[in-house]
Amino acid sequence: MQPFTKRVIEVIQSIPEGYVSTYGQVARLAGSPRAARQVVRILHTQSHIHKLPWHRVVNAKGEIAIKDDESRLMQELYLQDEGVTVNHLGMIDLKKFGYDPAE
């Protein structure tokens, strides 16, 4: 496993229940701020293997970015089960639910 992949997995595992992080934020915390797309690939290929809380990662606007309707609904339901409010457009208030490990 590549060091960046390992760090991404660790960052995603550290996102607490009831909060979300963005792909870009995960990339930055893992040491490569311009690697948000790589975070998407890692989530896609490693979530099941490492039991990652994939549903806690959203795009920079706080939007659920998954296009597949079933997976999008699953992400929304998982987040709501954790107390995260998702509006009718699939948006999450990052000021309220965004995770900042520096805080």
Protein backbone atom coordinates (compact mmCIF):
# COMPACT_ATOMS: atom_id res chain seq x y z
CA MET A 1 0.00 0.00 0.00
CA GLN A 2 1.28 3.45 -0.92
CA PRO A 3 2.01 5.83 2.00
CA PHE A 4 -0.56 8.37 0.74
CA THR A 5 -3.24 5.67 0.54
CA LYS A 6 -2.46 4.59 4.10
CA ARG A 7 -2.70 8.18 5.34
CA VAL A 8 -6.02 8.73 3.51
CA ILE A 9 -7.45 5.61 5.15
CA GLU A 10 -6.30 6.83 8.57
CA VAL A 11 -7.82 10.29 8.01
CA ILE A 12 -11.16 8.86 6.89
CA GLN A 13 -11.22 6.47 9.85
CA SER A 14 -10.71 9.46 12.17
CA ILE A 15 -13.84 11.35 11.02
CA PRO A 16 -16.20 11.07 13.99
CA GLU A 17 -19.81 10.00 13.78
CA GLY A 18 -22.09 12.97 13.11
CA TYR A 19 -19.53 14.90 11.06
CA VAL A 20 -18.32 15.07 7.48
CA SER A 21 -15.11 16.02 5.71
CA THR A 22 -14.54 16.96 2.10
CA TYR A 23 -12.44 15.03 -0.40
CA GLY A 24 -10.03 17.96 -0.55
CA GLN A 25 -9.78 18.21 3.21
CA VAL A 26 -8.96 14.50 3.45
CA ALA A 27 -6.30 14.91 0.76
CA ARG A 28 -4.79 17.90 2.57
CA LEU A 29 -4.73 16.11 5.93
CA ALA A 30 -3.13 13.10 4.25
CA GLY A 31 -0.35 15.31 2.92
CA SER A 32 -1.33 16.03 -0.68
CA PRO A 33 -3.75 18.98 -0.94
CA ARG A 34 -4.28 18.62 -4.69
CA ALA A 35 -5.20 14.91 -4.58
CA ALA A 36 -8.97 15.06 -3.96
CA ARG A 37 -9.65 12.84 -6.98
CA GLN A 38 -7.24 10.26 -5.63
CA VAL A 39 -9.23 10.28 -2.37
CA VAL A 40 -12.33 9.43 -4.43
CA ARG A 41 -10.49 6.49 -6.00
CA ILE A 42 -9.26 5.26 -2.63
CA LEU A 43 -12.76 5.46 -1.19
CA HIS A 44 -14.12 3.56 -4.16
CA THR A 45 -11.58 0.74 -3.94
CA GLN A 46 -10.77 0.55 -0.21
CA SER A 47 -13.99 1.36 1.68
CA HIS A 48 -15.22 -2.20 1.90
CA ILE A 49 -11.81 -3.73 2.63
CA HIS A 50 -11.04 -1.32 5.48
CA LYS A 51 -14.66 -0.73 6.61
CA LEU A 52 -14.27 3.00 6.01
CA PRO A 53 -17.05 5.41 6.95
CA TRP A 54 -17.27 6.44 3.27
CA HIS A 55 -20.56 8.22 3.86
CA ARG A 56 -18.78 10.91 5.90
CA VAL A 57 -16.91 12.30 2.89
CA VAL A 58 -18.61 14.86 0.63
CA ASN A 59 -17.57 17.38 -2.01
CA ALA A 60 -16.25 20.88 -1.32
CA LYS A 61 -19.76 22.39 -1.42
CA GLY A 62 -20.99 19.98 1.25
CA GLU A 63 -22.92 18.05 -1.37
CA ILE A 64 -23.38 14.31 -1.68
CA ALA A 65 -21.50 13.75 -4.92
CA ILE A 66 -22.48 10.16 -5.71
CA LYS A 67 -24.51 9.95 -8.93
CA ASP A 68 -25.90 6.42 -8.43
CA ASP A 69 -29.37 6.92 -6.90
CA GLU A 70 -29.21 3.91 -4.57
CA SER A 71 -25.74 4.75 -3.20
CA ARG A 72 -26.68 8.42 -2.89
CA LEU A 73 -29.74 7.50 -0.84
CA MET A 74 -27.67 5.14 1.33
CA GLN A 75 -25.18 7.92 2.06
CA GLU A 76 -27.98 10.31 2.94
CA LEU A 77 -29.62 7.76 5.26
CA TYR A 78 -26.34 6.86 6.99
CA LEU A 79 -25.61 10.53 7.62
CA GLN A 80 -29.12 11.22 8.91
CA ASP A 81 -28.82 8.21 11.24
CA GLU A 82 -25.74 9.92 12.71
CA GLY A 83 -27.62 13.20 13.19
CA VAL A 84 -26.28 15.01 10.12
CA THR A 85 -28.95 17.11 8.42
CA VAL A 86 -29.09 16.66 4.65
CA ASN A 87 -31.40 19.05 2.79
CA HIS A 88 -33.62 18.16 -0.17
CA LEU A 89 -30.75 18.96 -2.59
CA GLY A 90 -28.38 16.56 -0.84
CA MET A 91 -26.42 19.39 0.79
CA ILE A 92 -24.86 19.42 4.26
CA ASP A 93 -24.02 22.58 6.22
CA LEU A 94 -20.23 22.29 6.52
CA LYS A 95 -20.12 25.03 9.16
CA LYS A 96 -22.32 22.93 11.41
CA PHE A 97 -21.31 19.35 10.48
CA GLY A 98 -17.83 19.80 8.98
CA TYR A 99 -15.09 18.03 10.93
CA ASP A 100 -11.96 20.01 11.67
CA PRO A 101 -9.37 17.92 13.55
CA ALA A 102 -7.59 21.13 14.58
CA GLU A 103 -10.52 22.10 16.81
